[in-house]
N, C-alpha and C. Protein backbone atom coordinates (compact mmCIF):
# COMPACT_ATOMS: atom_id res chain seq x y z
N MET A 1 -7.15 -18.08 6.46
CA MET A 1 -6.20 -17.18 5.86
C MET A 1 -6.23 -15.84 6.56
N GLU A 2 -5.04 -15.37 7.06
CA GLU A 2 -4.92 -14.17 7.74
C GLU A 2 -4.07 -13.12 7.05
N LEU A 3 -4.41 -11.86 7.05
CA LEU A 3 -3.70 -10.88 6.54
C LEU A 3 -3.31 -9.77 7.54
N GLN A 4 -2.07 -9.33 7.51
CA GLN A 4 -1.59 -8.22 8.28
C GLN A 4 -0.96 -7.17 7.36
N TRP A 5 -1.18 -5.79 7.66
CA TRP A 5 -0.50 -4.75 6.87
C TRP A 5 0.72 -4.41 7.58
N LEU A 6 1.87 -4.42 6.79
CA LEU A 6 3.18 -4.06 7.51
C LEU A 6 3.63 -2.82 6.99
N GLY A 7 2.87 -1.99 6.22
CA GLY A 7 3.20 -0.64 5.72
C GLY A 7 3.38 -0.60 4.21
N HIS A 8 3.35 0.45 3.73
CA HIS A 8 3.51 0.82 2.23
C HIS A 8 2.65 -0.24 1.43
N SER A 9 3.23 -1.12 0.70
CA SER A 9 2.47 -2.10 -0.09
C SER A 9 2.62 -3.56 0.44
N CYS A 10 3.24 -3.59 1.62
CA CYS A 10 3.59 -4.98 2.34
C CYS A 10 2.62 -5.55 3.11
N PHE A 11 2.21 -6.72 2.81
CA PHE A 11 1.30 -7.58 3.60
C PHE A 11 2.02 -8.90 3.87
N ARG A 12 1.62 -9.43 5.14
CA ARG A 12 1.89 -10.80 5.39
C ARG A 12 0.57 -11.56 5.30
N ILE A 13 0.59 -12.51 4.36
CA ILE A 13 -0.53 -13.38 4.21
C ILE A 13 -0.25 -14.88 4.70
N ARG A 14 -0.95 -15.30 5.76
CA ARG A 14 -0.72 -16.46 6.28
C ARG A 14 -1.81 -17.47 6.09
N GLY A 15 -1.41 -18.61 5.47
CA GLY A 15 -2.37 -19.75 5.30
C GLY A 15 -2.05 -20.79 6.31
N ARG A 16 -2.57 -21.82 6.32
CA ARG A 16 -2.22 -22.99 7.22
C ARG A 16 -0.90 -23.46 7.19
N ASP A 17 -0.33 -23.49 5.93
CA ASP A 17 1.03 -24.12 5.78
C ASP A 17 1.94 -23.14 5.01
N THR A 18 1.53 -22.02 4.56
CA THR A 18 2.39 -21.19 3.79
C THR A 18 2.25 -19.64 4.26
N THR A 19 3.28 -18.94 4.24
CA THR A 19 3.26 -17.54 4.58
C THR A 19 3.95 -16.74 3.32
N ILE A 20 3.07 -15.82 2.88
CA ILE A 20 3.54 -14.95 1.77
C ILE A 20 3.80 -13.54 2.19
N VAL A 21 4.72 -12.88 1.86
CA VAL A 21 5.06 -11.50 2.02
C VAL A 21 5.05 -10.77 0.75
N THR A 22 4.33 -9.65 0.60
CA THR A 22 4.22 -8.99 -0.64
C THR A 22 5.04 -7.58 -0.56
N ASP A 23 5.80 -7.28 -1.58
CA ASP A 23 6.47 -6.00 -1.58
C ASP A 23 7.21 -5.48 -0.38
N PRO A 24 8.07 -6.25 0.27
CA PRO A 24 8.72 -5.75 1.32
C PRO A 24 9.54 -4.42 1.20
N PRO A 25 9.26 -3.41 2.03
CA PRO A 25 9.81 -2.11 1.71
C PRO A 25 11.23 -1.98 2.43
N ALA A 26 12.14 -1.18 1.92
CA ALA A 26 13.42 -0.86 2.57
C ALA A 26 13.18 0.17 3.70
N ARG A 27 14.19 0.28 4.49
CA ARG A 27 14.05 1.26 5.60
C ARG A 27 13.95 2.62 5.11
N SER A 28 14.33 2.97 3.96
CA SER A 28 14.30 4.25 3.42
C SER A 28 12.92 4.77 3.33
N THR A 29 11.92 3.90 3.35
CA THR A 29 10.59 4.36 3.20
C THR A 29 9.93 4.78 4.45
N GLY A 30 10.73 4.51 5.49
CA GLY A 30 10.20 4.82 6.86
C GLY A 30 9.72 3.57 7.72
N TYR A 31 9.63 2.52 6.97
CA TYR A 31 9.14 1.34 7.61
C TYR A 31 10.34 0.37 7.95
N ALA A 32 10.59 0.08 9.24
CA ALA A 32 11.82 -0.77 9.58
C ALA A 32 11.30 -2.17 9.75
N LEU A 33 11.38 -2.98 8.71
CA LEU A 33 11.01 -4.33 8.75
C LEU A 33 12.25 -5.28 8.74
N SER A 34 12.16 -6.29 9.46
CA SER A 34 13.28 -7.35 9.65
C SER A 34 12.73 -8.58 10.00
N ALA A 35 13.52 -9.65 9.68
CA ALA A 35 13.18 -11.04 10.20
C ALA A 35 11.75 -11.39 9.96
N LEU A 36 11.25 -11.32 8.72
CA LEU A 36 9.99 -11.64 8.34
C LEU A 36 10.07 -13.05 7.71
N ALA A 37 9.47 -14.02 8.50
CA ALA A 37 9.52 -15.44 8.02
C ALA A 37 8.59 -15.55 6.93
N ALA A 38 9.15 -16.04 5.74
CA ALA A 38 8.17 -16.12 4.46
C ALA A 38 8.59 -17.46 3.78
N ASP A 39 7.61 -17.95 3.15
CA ASP A 39 7.83 -19.09 2.16
C ASP A 39 7.84 -18.48 0.75
N VAL A 40 7.18 -17.45 0.56
CA VAL A 40 7.06 -16.86 -0.74
C VAL A 40 7.10 -15.30 -0.49
N VAL A 41 7.94 -14.53 -1.36
CA VAL A 41 7.89 -13.21 -1.37
C VAL A 41 7.68 -12.63 -2.96
N THR A 42 6.67 -11.84 -3.02
CA THR A 42 6.34 -11.28 -4.25
C THR A 42 6.76 -9.82 -4.45
N VAL A 43 7.36 -9.45 -5.61
CA VAL A 43 7.93 -8.18 -5.84
C VAL A 43 7.28 -7.59 -7.07
N SER A 44 6.54 -6.38 -6.91
CA SER A 44 5.75 -5.86 -8.05
C SER A 44 6.54 -5.20 -9.10
N HIS A 45 7.78 -4.51 -8.63
CA HIS A 45 8.66 -3.96 -9.50
C HIS A 45 9.94 -3.57 -8.73
N GLN A 46 11.04 -3.28 -9.38
CA GLN A 46 12.33 -3.24 -8.72
C GLN A 46 12.53 -1.82 -8.23
N HIS A 47 12.05 -1.48 -7.05
CA HIS A 47 12.11 -0.24 -6.33
C HIS A 47 12.28 -0.46 -4.84
N PRO A 48 13.17 0.28 -4.13
CA PRO A 48 13.42 -0.05 -2.84
C PRO A 48 12.30 -0.07 -1.86
N GLY A 49 11.15 0.50 -2.34
CA GLY A 49 10.00 0.55 -1.52
C GLY A 49 9.26 -0.83 -1.60
N HIS A 50 9.78 -1.73 -2.54
CA HIS A 50 9.00 -2.88 -2.86
C HIS A 50 9.79 -4.10 -3.08
N ASN A 51 11.09 -4.02 -2.94
CA ASN A 51 11.96 -5.20 -3.32
C ASN A 51 13.02 -5.63 -2.27
N ALA A 52 12.63 -5.14 -1.06
CA ALA A 52 13.78 -5.45 0.20
C ALA A 52 13.59 -6.88 0.51
N VAL A 53 13.92 -7.88 -0.31
CA VAL A 53 13.71 -9.35 0.05
C VAL A 53 14.65 -9.69 1.21
N GLU A 54 15.68 -8.89 1.44
CA GLU A 54 16.53 -9.23 2.53
C GLU A 54 15.87 -9.15 3.85
N ALA A 55 14.85 -8.47 3.92
CA ALA A 55 14.05 -8.42 5.22
C ALA A 55 13.37 -9.63 5.61
N CYS A 56 13.33 -10.62 4.58
CA CYS A 56 12.66 -11.96 4.83
C CYS A 56 13.60 -13.04 5.12
N THR A 57 13.33 -13.76 6.13
CA THR A 57 14.18 -14.76 6.58
C THR A 57 13.75 -16.18 5.96
N GLY A 58 14.56 -17.18 6.29
CA GLY A 58 14.38 -18.49 5.65
C GLY A 58 14.90 -18.58 4.27
N GLU A 59 14.34 -19.32 3.46
CA GLU A 59 14.71 -19.39 1.98
C GLU A 59 13.52 -19.30 1.14
N PRO A 60 12.87 -18.14 1.25
CA PRO A 60 11.67 -17.97 0.45
C PRO A 60 11.83 -17.99 -1.04
N ARG A 61 10.81 -18.40 -1.73
CA ARG A 61 10.79 -18.32 -3.25
C ARG A 61 10.41 -16.91 -3.54
N VAL A 62 11.33 -16.27 -4.31
CA VAL A 62 11.08 -14.80 -4.75
C VAL A 62 10.46 -14.80 -6.08
N ILE A 63 9.39 -14.13 -6.24
CA ILE A 63 8.68 -14.00 -7.48
C ILE A 63 8.68 -12.59 -7.92
N GLU A 64 9.20 -12.21 -9.17
CA GLU A 64 9.60 -10.85 -9.52
C GLU A 64 9.03 -10.51 -10.92
N GLY A 65 8.00 -11.14 -11.46
CA GLY A 65 7.55 -10.68 -12.67
C GLY A 65 6.33 -11.62 -13.20
N PRO A 66 5.69 -11.26 -14.36
CA PRO A 66 4.75 -12.00 -14.94
C PRO A 66 4.94 -13.39 -15.11
N GLY A 67 3.86 -14.22 -14.95
CA GLY A 67 3.93 -15.65 -15.27
C GLY A 67 3.12 -16.35 -14.28
N GLU A 68 3.08 -17.69 -14.48
CA GLU A 68 2.38 -18.57 -13.61
C GLU A 68 3.17 -19.36 -12.72
N TYR A 69 2.96 -19.33 -11.48
CA TYR A 69 3.75 -20.07 -10.46
C TYR A 69 3.01 -20.84 -9.55
N GLU A 70 3.62 -22.01 -9.02
CA GLU A 70 3.06 -22.79 -7.96
C GLU A 70 4.10 -23.02 -6.99
N VAL A 71 3.85 -22.62 -5.69
CA VAL A 71 4.87 -22.73 -4.58
C VAL A 71 4.12 -23.21 -3.39
N ALA A 72 4.54 -24.36 -2.90
CA ALA A 72 3.94 -25.01 -1.57
C ALA A 72 2.44 -25.04 -1.73
N GLY A 73 1.95 -25.46 -2.83
CA GLY A 73 0.59 -25.60 -3.03
C GLY A 73 -0.23 -24.26 -3.21
N VAL A 74 0.54 -23.13 -3.35
CA VAL A 74 -0.19 -21.86 -3.69
C VAL A 74 0.00 -21.55 -5.16
N LEU A 75 -1.02 -21.21 -5.83
CA LEU A 75 -0.98 -20.73 -7.21
C LEU A 75 -0.88 -19.18 -7.25
N ILE A 76 0.02 -18.78 -8.04
CA ILE A 76 0.20 -17.33 -8.09
C ILE A 76 0.38 -16.94 -9.63
N ASP A 77 -0.56 -16.03 -10.09
CA ASP A 77 -0.44 -15.49 -11.35
C ASP A 77 0.03 -14.07 -11.38
N GLY A 78 1.04 -13.77 -12.33
CA GLY A 78 1.71 -12.42 -12.33
C GLY A 78 1.23 -11.76 -13.54
N VAL A 79 0.38 -10.69 -13.49
CA VAL A 79 -0.18 -10.07 -14.69
C VAL A 79 0.58 -8.84 -14.93
N SER A 80 1.05 -8.56 -16.17
CA SER A 80 1.82 -7.45 -16.53
C SER A 80 0.99 -6.18 -16.73
N THR A 81 1.36 -5.12 -15.84
CA THR A 81 0.64 -3.82 -16.06
C THR A 81 1.66 -2.75 -16.08
N PHE A 82 1.36 -1.45 -15.79
CA PHE A 82 2.32 -0.38 -15.84
C PHE A 82 2.15 0.42 -14.57
N HIS A 83 3.36 1.04 -14.32
CA HIS A 83 3.60 1.83 -13.10
C HIS A 83 3.03 3.29 -13.33
N ASP A 84 2.52 3.50 -14.46
CA ASP A 84 2.05 4.88 -14.70
C ASP A 84 0.80 4.82 -15.75
N ASN A 85 0.31 5.98 -16.19
CA ASN A 85 -0.80 6.04 -17.04
C ASN A 85 -0.33 6.24 -18.48
N ASN A 86 0.95 5.98 -18.80
CA ASN A 86 1.48 6.28 -20.07
C ASN A 86 2.32 5.11 -20.63
N HIS A 87 1.61 3.96 -20.51
CA HIS A 87 2.18 2.58 -20.95
C HIS A 87 3.54 2.42 -20.64
N GLY A 88 3.76 2.71 -19.33
CA GLY A 88 5.29 2.46 -18.77
C GLY A 88 6.31 3.39 -19.20
N GLN A 89 5.95 4.40 -20.00
CA GLN A 89 7.02 5.40 -20.56
C GLN A 89 7.59 6.26 -19.41
N ASP A 90 6.86 6.45 -18.24
CA ASP A 90 7.26 7.31 -17.23
C ASP A 90 7.98 6.55 -16.14
N ARG A 91 7.36 5.45 -15.64
CA ARG A 91 7.92 4.73 -14.56
C ARG A 91 8.23 3.25 -14.77
N GLY A 92 7.85 2.75 -15.96
CA GLY A 92 8.17 1.42 -16.25
C GLY A 92 6.92 0.48 -15.94
N ARG A 93 7.32 -0.87 -15.81
CA ARG A 93 6.20 -1.81 -15.55
C ARG A 93 5.99 -2.20 -14.17
N ASN A 94 4.78 -2.83 -14.01
CA ASN A 94 4.42 -3.24 -12.76
C ASN A 94 3.66 -4.50 -12.83
N THR A 95 3.97 -5.47 -11.86
CA THR A 95 3.26 -6.70 -11.97
C THR A 95 2.20 -6.88 -10.81
N VAL A 96 0.95 -7.19 -11.28
CA VAL A 96 -0.12 -7.51 -10.34
C VAL A 96 -0.18 -9.02 -10.15
N TYR A 97 -0.26 -9.35 -8.76
CA TYR A 97 -0.17 -10.78 -8.36
C TYR A 97 -1.53 -11.23 -8.02
N VAL A 98 -2.10 -12.24 -8.45
CA VAL A 98 -3.31 -12.97 -8.08
C VAL A 98 -2.87 -14.22 -7.29
N ILE A 99 -3.14 -14.26 -6.08
CA ILE A 99 -2.68 -15.48 -5.24
C ILE A 99 -3.94 -16.26 -4.91
N GLU A 100 -3.81 -17.62 -5.22
CA GLU A 100 -4.89 -18.58 -4.81
C GLU A 100 -4.44 -19.29 -3.59
N LEU A 101 -5.11 -18.95 -2.45
CA LEU A 101 -4.67 -19.71 -1.18
C LEU A 101 -5.92 -20.11 -0.33
N GLU A 102 -5.99 -21.32 -0.15
CA GLU A 102 -7.20 -21.85 0.65
C GLU A 102 -8.60 -21.29 0.10
N GLU A 103 -8.75 -21.52 -1.15
CA GLU A 103 -10.02 -21.34 -1.97
C GLU A 103 -10.33 -19.90 -1.94
N LEU A 104 -9.29 -18.91 -1.79
CA LEU A 104 -9.48 -17.53 -1.89
C LEU A 104 -8.54 -16.93 -2.79
N ARG A 105 -8.97 -15.94 -3.64
CA ARG A 105 -8.19 -15.31 -4.64
C ARG A 105 -7.94 -13.82 -4.25
N ILE A 106 -6.65 -13.65 -3.78
CA ILE A 106 -6.10 -12.33 -3.27
C ILE A 106 -5.41 -11.74 -4.42
N CYS A 107 -5.74 -10.40 -4.72
CA CYS A 107 -5.09 -9.69 -5.78
C CYS A 107 -4.28 -8.52 -5.15
N HIS A 108 -2.99 -8.48 -5.40
CA HIS A 108 -2.13 -7.36 -4.89
C HIS A 108 -1.76 -6.57 -6.07
N LEU A 109 -2.19 -5.33 -6.16
CA LEU A 109 -1.98 -4.48 -7.28
C LEU A 109 -0.65 -3.89 -7.45
N GLY A 110 0.25 -3.94 -6.46
CA GLY A 110 1.59 -3.41 -6.45
C GLY A 110 1.42 -1.93 -6.58
N ASP A 111 2.39 -1.29 -7.54
CA ASP A 111 2.29 0.04 -7.73
C ASP A 111 1.61 0.38 -9.03
N LEU A 112 0.40 -0.08 -9.21
CA LEU A 112 -0.40 0.06 -10.36
C LEU A 112 -0.76 1.49 -10.58
N GLY A 113 -0.34 1.96 -11.78
CA GLY A 113 -0.50 3.44 -12.09
C GLY A 113 -1.61 3.76 -13.09
N HIS A 114 -2.56 2.80 -13.38
CA HIS A 114 -3.60 3.08 -14.35
C HIS A 114 -4.75 2.07 -14.04
N VAL A 115 -5.96 2.44 -14.59
CA VAL A 115 -7.06 1.45 -14.51
C VAL A 115 -6.80 0.33 -15.53
N PRO A 116 -6.90 -0.90 -15.06
CA PRO A 116 -6.56 -2.08 -15.87
C PRO A 116 -7.38 -2.06 -17.24
N THR A 117 -6.76 -2.59 -18.32
CA THR A 117 -7.55 -2.68 -19.51
C THR A 117 -8.52 -3.93 -19.32
N ALA A 118 -9.42 -4.11 -20.30
CA ALA A 118 -10.26 -5.21 -20.39
C ALA A 118 -9.42 -6.58 -20.32
N GLU A 119 -8.32 -6.55 -21.05
CA GLU A 119 -7.50 -7.77 -21.07
C GLU A 119 -6.90 -8.13 -19.88
N GLN A 120 -6.44 -7.05 -19.19
CA GLN A 120 -5.75 -7.34 -18.02
C GLN A 120 -6.66 -7.67 -16.92
N SER A 121 -7.83 -7.03 -16.87
CA SER A 121 -8.95 -7.41 -15.98
C SER A 121 -9.30 -8.94 -16.11
N GLU A 122 -9.41 -9.36 -17.31
CA GLU A 122 -9.80 -10.77 -17.66
C GLU A 122 -8.79 -11.69 -17.06
N ALA A 123 -7.49 -11.30 -17.25
CA ALA A 123 -6.31 -12.11 -16.91
C ALA A 123 -6.37 -12.24 -15.31
N MET A 124 -6.75 -11.23 -14.64
CA MET A 124 -6.87 -11.25 -13.13
C MET A 124 -7.97 -12.07 -12.67
N GLY A 125 -9.10 -12.12 -13.43
CA GLY A 125 -10.24 -13.11 -13.11
C GLY A 125 -11.06 -12.58 -11.94
N GLU A 126 -11.78 -13.45 -11.37
CA GLU A 126 -12.68 -13.17 -10.12
C GLU A 126 -11.72 -12.93 -8.96
N ILE A 127 -12.01 -11.90 -8.19
CA ILE A 127 -11.13 -11.52 -7.11
C ILE A 127 -12.01 -11.45 -5.82
N ASP A 128 -11.55 -12.15 -4.75
CA ASP A 128 -12.18 -12.12 -3.45
C ASP A 128 -11.65 -10.89 -2.68
N VAL A 129 -10.32 -10.82 -2.58
CA VAL A 129 -9.68 -9.78 -1.77
C VAL A 129 -8.81 -9.02 -2.54
N LEU A 130 -9.03 -7.62 -2.58
CA LEU A 130 -8.19 -6.73 -3.33
C LEU A 130 -7.35 -5.73 -2.51
N LEU A 131 -6.14 -5.89 -2.78
CA LEU A 131 -5.21 -4.99 -2.10
C LEU A 131 -4.79 -3.90 -2.98
N THR A 132 -5.21 -2.69 -2.84
CA THR A 132 -5.05 -1.63 -3.81
C THR A 132 -4.33 -0.42 -3.32
N PRO A 133 -3.41 0.23 -4.15
CA PRO A 133 -2.95 1.52 -3.64
C PRO A 133 -3.91 2.58 -3.80
N VAL A 134 -3.90 3.52 -2.85
CA VAL A 134 -4.82 4.67 -3.01
C VAL A 134 -4.29 6.11 -2.79
N GLY A 135 -2.88 6.13 -2.64
CA GLY A 135 -2.38 7.31 -2.18
C GLY A 135 -1.82 8.22 -3.31
N GLY A 136 -2.06 7.83 -4.70
CA GLY A 136 -1.63 8.76 -5.74
C GLY A 136 -0.27 9.09 -5.77
N HIS A 137 0.16 10.03 -6.68
CA HIS A 137 1.44 10.53 -6.94
C HIS A 137 2.33 9.46 -7.76
N HIS A 138 2.50 8.29 -7.07
CA HIS A 138 3.37 7.23 -7.70
C HIS A 138 2.46 6.11 -8.28
N THR A 139 1.20 6.15 -7.93
CA THR A 139 0.27 5.05 -8.21
C THR A 139 -1.12 5.65 -8.59
N ILE A 140 -2.17 4.83 -8.77
CA ILE A 140 -3.47 5.29 -8.90
C ILE A 140 -3.82 6.04 -7.63
N ASP A 141 -4.72 7.06 -7.86
CA ASP A 141 -5.26 7.81 -6.69
C ASP A 141 -6.54 7.27 -6.15
N ALA A 142 -7.16 7.93 -5.30
CA ALA A 142 -8.43 7.57 -4.62
C ALA A 142 -9.50 7.28 -5.64
N ALA A 143 -9.77 8.18 -6.70
CA ALA A 143 -10.74 8.04 -7.59
C ALA A 143 -10.51 6.87 -8.48
N ALA A 144 -9.26 6.64 -8.95
CA ALA A 144 -8.98 5.63 -9.87
C ALA A 144 -9.02 4.33 -9.10
N ALA A 145 -8.64 4.30 -7.77
CA ALA A 145 -8.71 3.14 -7.02
C ALA A 145 -10.21 2.61 -6.90
N ALA A 146 -11.05 3.62 -6.71
CA ALA A 146 -12.56 3.31 -6.62
C ALA A 146 -12.95 2.72 -7.99
N GLU A 147 -12.55 3.31 -9.09
CA GLU A 147 -12.84 2.71 -10.37
C GLU A 147 -12.44 1.31 -10.62
N VAL A 148 -11.26 1.09 -10.10
CA VAL A 148 -10.65 -0.40 -10.12
C VAL A 148 -11.59 -1.29 -9.33
N VAL A 149 -11.99 -0.78 -8.20
CA VAL A 149 -12.87 -1.60 -7.31
C VAL A 149 -14.06 -2.00 -8.10
N SER A 150 -14.67 -0.96 -8.69
CA SER A 150 -16.00 -1.06 -9.42
C SER A 150 -15.78 -2.14 -10.64
N LEU A 151 -14.52 -1.99 -11.21
CA LEU A 151 -14.21 -2.83 -12.35
C LEU A 151 -14.03 -4.40 -12.00
N LEU A 152 -13.24 -4.60 -10.92
CA LEU A 152 -13.04 -5.98 -10.48
C LEU A 152 -14.03 -6.59 -9.58
N GLU A 153 -14.82 -5.73 -8.87
CA GLU A 153 -15.92 -6.26 -8.03
C GLU A 153 -15.39 -7.30 -7.00
N PRO A 154 -14.32 -6.96 -6.07
CA PRO A 154 -14.01 -7.90 -5.15
C PRO A 154 -14.89 -7.90 -4.03
N LYS A 155 -14.89 -8.93 -3.15
CA LYS A 155 -15.68 -9.01 -2.03
C LYS A 155 -15.11 -8.14 -0.83
N VAL A 156 -13.84 -8.15 -0.79
CA VAL A 156 -13.09 -7.30 0.27
C VAL A 156 -12.07 -6.45 -0.34
N VAL A 157 -12.03 -5.14 0.03
CA VAL A 157 -11.01 -4.27 -0.35
C VAL A 157 -10.18 -3.72 0.77
N ILE A 158 -8.93 -3.89 0.69
CA ILE A 158 -8.00 -3.31 1.59
C ILE A 158 -7.10 -2.34 1.07
N PRO A 159 -7.18 -1.07 1.41
CA PRO A 159 -6.24 -0.06 0.93
C PRO A 159 -4.87 -0.10 1.50
N MET A 160 -3.85 0.43 0.63
CA MET A 160 -2.55 0.43 1.00
C MET A 160 -1.83 1.49 0.26
N HIS A 161 -0.58 1.65 0.57
CA HIS A 161 0.31 2.69 -0.10
C HIS A 161 -0.34 4.02 0.03
N TYR A 162 -0.57 4.59 1.22
CA TYR A 162 -1.12 5.81 1.51
C TYR A 162 -0.24 6.46 2.60
N ARG A 163 -0.57 7.74 2.88
CA ARG A 163 0.18 8.42 3.93
C ARG A 163 -0.01 7.84 5.38
N THR A 164 1.02 7.67 6.12
CA THR A 164 1.03 7.33 7.46
C THR A 164 2.02 8.24 8.23
N ASP A 165 2.00 8.03 9.53
CA ASP A 165 3.04 8.91 10.34
C ASP A 165 4.49 8.39 10.12
N LEU A 166 4.70 7.11 9.51
CA LEU A 166 5.96 6.71 9.20
C LEU A 166 6.30 6.84 7.82
N GLU A 167 5.44 6.99 6.91
CA GLU A 167 5.57 7.04 5.45
C GLU A 167 6.42 8.25 5.05
N LYS A 168 7.57 8.08 4.24
CA LYS A 168 8.36 9.14 3.79
C LYS A 168 8.03 9.57 2.37
N ALA A 169 7.31 8.79 1.75
CA ALA A 169 7.01 9.11 0.31
C ALA A 169 5.92 10.21 0.33
N ASP A 170 5.76 10.92 -0.74
CA ASP A 170 4.68 11.99 -0.88
C ASP A 170 3.38 11.27 -1.41
N LEU A 171 2.54 10.92 -0.37
CA LEU A 171 1.36 10.18 -0.76
C LEU A 171 0.08 10.88 -0.08
N ASP A 172 -1.03 10.64 -0.76
CA ASP A 172 -2.18 11.19 -0.14
C ASP A 172 -2.64 10.33 1.13
N PRO A 173 -3.53 10.83 2.03
CA PRO A 173 -3.95 10.09 3.11
C PRO A 173 -4.98 9.13 2.65
N LEU A 174 -5.59 8.27 3.60
CA LEU A 174 -6.54 7.39 3.41
C LEU A 174 -7.95 7.94 3.02
N GLU A 175 -8.22 9.12 3.70
CA GLU A 175 -9.57 9.65 3.74
C GLU A 175 -10.24 9.89 2.30
N PRO A 176 -9.53 10.43 1.41
CA PRO A 176 -10.14 10.60 0.07
C PRO A 176 -10.60 9.24 -0.61
N PHE A 177 -9.93 8.13 -0.40
CA PHE A 177 -10.48 6.92 -0.87
C PHE A 177 -11.73 6.41 -0.18
N LEU A 178 -11.74 6.61 1.10
CA LEU A 178 -12.96 6.32 1.84
C LEU A 178 -14.16 7.11 1.41
N LYS A 179 -13.90 8.28 1.02
CA LYS A 179 -14.94 9.29 0.68
C LYS A 179 -15.41 8.77 -0.81
N GLN A 180 -14.49 8.38 -1.61
CA GLN A 180 -14.87 7.88 -2.91
C GLN A 180 -15.77 6.68 -2.79
N MET A 181 -15.53 5.78 -1.76
CA MET A 181 -16.31 4.62 -1.52
C MET A 181 -17.56 4.86 -0.67
N GLY A 182 -17.88 6.07 -0.43
CA GLY A 182 -19.11 6.48 0.32
C GLY A 182 -18.99 6.24 1.83
N LEU A 183 -17.81 6.24 2.32
CA LEU A 183 -17.55 6.03 3.74
C LEU A 183 -17.00 7.24 4.40
N SER A 184 -17.30 7.50 5.67
CA SER A 184 -16.79 8.63 6.40
C SER A 184 -15.39 8.21 7.03
N GLU A 185 -15.54 7.16 7.79
CA GLU A 185 -14.27 6.54 8.47
C GLU A 185 -14.61 5.17 8.85
N LEU A 186 -13.53 4.43 9.11
CA LEU A 186 -13.57 3.04 9.47
C LEU A 186 -12.60 2.78 10.58
N ALA A 187 -13.02 1.99 11.55
CA ALA A 187 -12.09 1.61 12.63
C ALA A 187 -11.17 0.57 12.09
N PRO A 188 -9.78 0.83 12.17
CA PRO A 188 -8.86 -0.10 11.72
C PRO A 188 -8.79 -1.44 12.49
N GLN A 189 -8.59 -2.47 11.81
CA GLN A 189 -8.52 -3.91 12.48
C GLN A 189 -7.04 -4.25 12.40
N PRO A 190 -6.54 -4.93 13.50
CA PRO A 190 -5.19 -5.36 13.72
C PRO A 190 -4.90 -6.46 12.53
N ARG A 191 -5.78 -7.19 12.26
CA ARG A 191 -5.62 -8.26 11.21
C ARG A 191 -6.98 -8.73 10.66
N LEU A 192 -7.00 -9.37 9.47
CA LEU A 192 -8.21 -9.82 8.89
C LEU A 192 -8.10 -11.27 8.76
N THR A 193 -9.03 -12.07 9.18
CA THR A 193 -9.01 -13.47 9.03
C THR A 193 -10.28 -13.87 8.16
N LEU A 194 -10.01 -14.68 7.04
CA LEU A 194 -11.02 -14.90 6.19
C LEU A 194 -11.03 -16.28 5.77
N THR A 195 -12.23 -16.86 5.39
CA THR A 195 -12.34 -18.10 4.69
C THR A 195 -13.25 -17.92 3.58
N ALA A 196 -13.26 -19.01 2.68
CA ALA A 196 -14.18 -18.91 1.53
C ALA A 196 -15.56 -18.87 1.94
N SER A 197 -15.99 -19.33 3.08
CA SER A 197 -17.25 -19.36 3.52
C SER A 197 -17.86 -18.12 4.26
N ASN A 198 -16.93 -17.25 4.60
CA ASN A 198 -17.37 -16.04 5.43
C ASN A 198 -17.05 -14.71 4.70
N LEU A 199 -16.94 -14.78 3.32
CA LEU A 199 -16.85 -13.65 2.59
C LEU A 199 -18.08 -12.76 2.61
N PRO A 200 -18.05 -11.40 2.62
CA PRO A 200 -19.20 -10.59 2.66
C PRO A 200 -19.99 -10.74 1.32
N PRO A 201 -21.33 -10.60 1.37
CA PRO A 201 -22.06 -10.85 0.06
C PRO A 201 -21.91 -9.64 -0.89
N GLN A 202 -21.45 -8.44 -0.40
CA GLN A 202 -21.17 -7.20 -1.22
C GLN A 202 -19.81 -6.67 -0.89
N THR A 203 -19.39 -5.87 -1.78
CA THR A 203 -18.04 -5.34 -1.58
C THR A 203 -17.89 -4.50 -0.18
N GLN A 204 -16.80 -4.94 0.51
CA GLN A 204 -16.74 -4.31 1.81
C GLN A 204 -15.27 -3.77 1.98
N VAL A 205 -15.10 -2.70 2.34
CA VAL A 205 -13.76 -1.96 2.62
C VAL A 205 -13.32 -2.31 4.05
N VAL A 206 -12.16 -2.86 4.18
CA VAL A 206 -11.42 -3.16 5.53
C VAL A 206 -10.23 -2.27 5.63
N VAL A 207 -10.08 -1.60 6.66
CA VAL A 207 -8.80 -0.79 6.83
C VAL A 207 -7.98 -1.62 8.02
N LEU A 208 -6.78 -2.00 7.66
CA LEU A 208 -5.95 -2.67 8.55
C LEU A 208 -4.97 -1.80 9.36
N GLU A 209 -4.73 -1.96 10.67
CA GLU A 209 -3.86 -1.22 11.46
C GLU A 209 -2.41 -1.44 10.92
N LEU A 210 -1.57 -0.58 10.99
CA LEU A 210 -0.19 -0.63 10.63
C LEU A 210 0.50 -1.52 11.63
N ARG A 211 1.07 -2.56 11.34
CA ARG A 211 1.83 -3.38 12.27
C ARG A 211 3.19 -2.81 12.43
N ARG A 212 3.54 -2.39 13.69
CA ARG A 212 4.85 -1.63 13.90
C ARG A 212 5.91 -2.58 14.51
């Protein structure tokens, strides 16, 4: 399984037979994505930064809310959460997706705005790879993201939804999250390739290069 970060909360997750694109952003975010071949597209909430499914080519299955799904042999659980720390009163709902692909469980937190409850965490289950927002303002910030990591105990953590030179939203940079995780800096990787047999024994933070 291979992951690439395409900016904002968008990843391309490639298995042997299936390609999944998460939260494709509109051009208004600063990221100009187009012609993304996908079998499955997940949308955490209906905001232009996360629902530009027209950027994806082919005839992908679009998943837009809580529930259990099976597409092309991939199992996906959508867990209902909130986009704010006020039970959705400020920004509405958000869907966290847990994707089971090639014996790996990848959790995409979308625009999560709070630390998950015990019930929500239990619904997410064991997580191998956690894709978490860290930029604050519209989502959890660095400190809350570190708390979520401690709660879910994934093997690999990949930060997303933070300030870049293309990002137009008001977001914090990556560095505060790395500091929360006890790291000074990390060399970004162009992509991450994982199998169930080569997961790290303890939680490891991986920073992915922005694919332009």
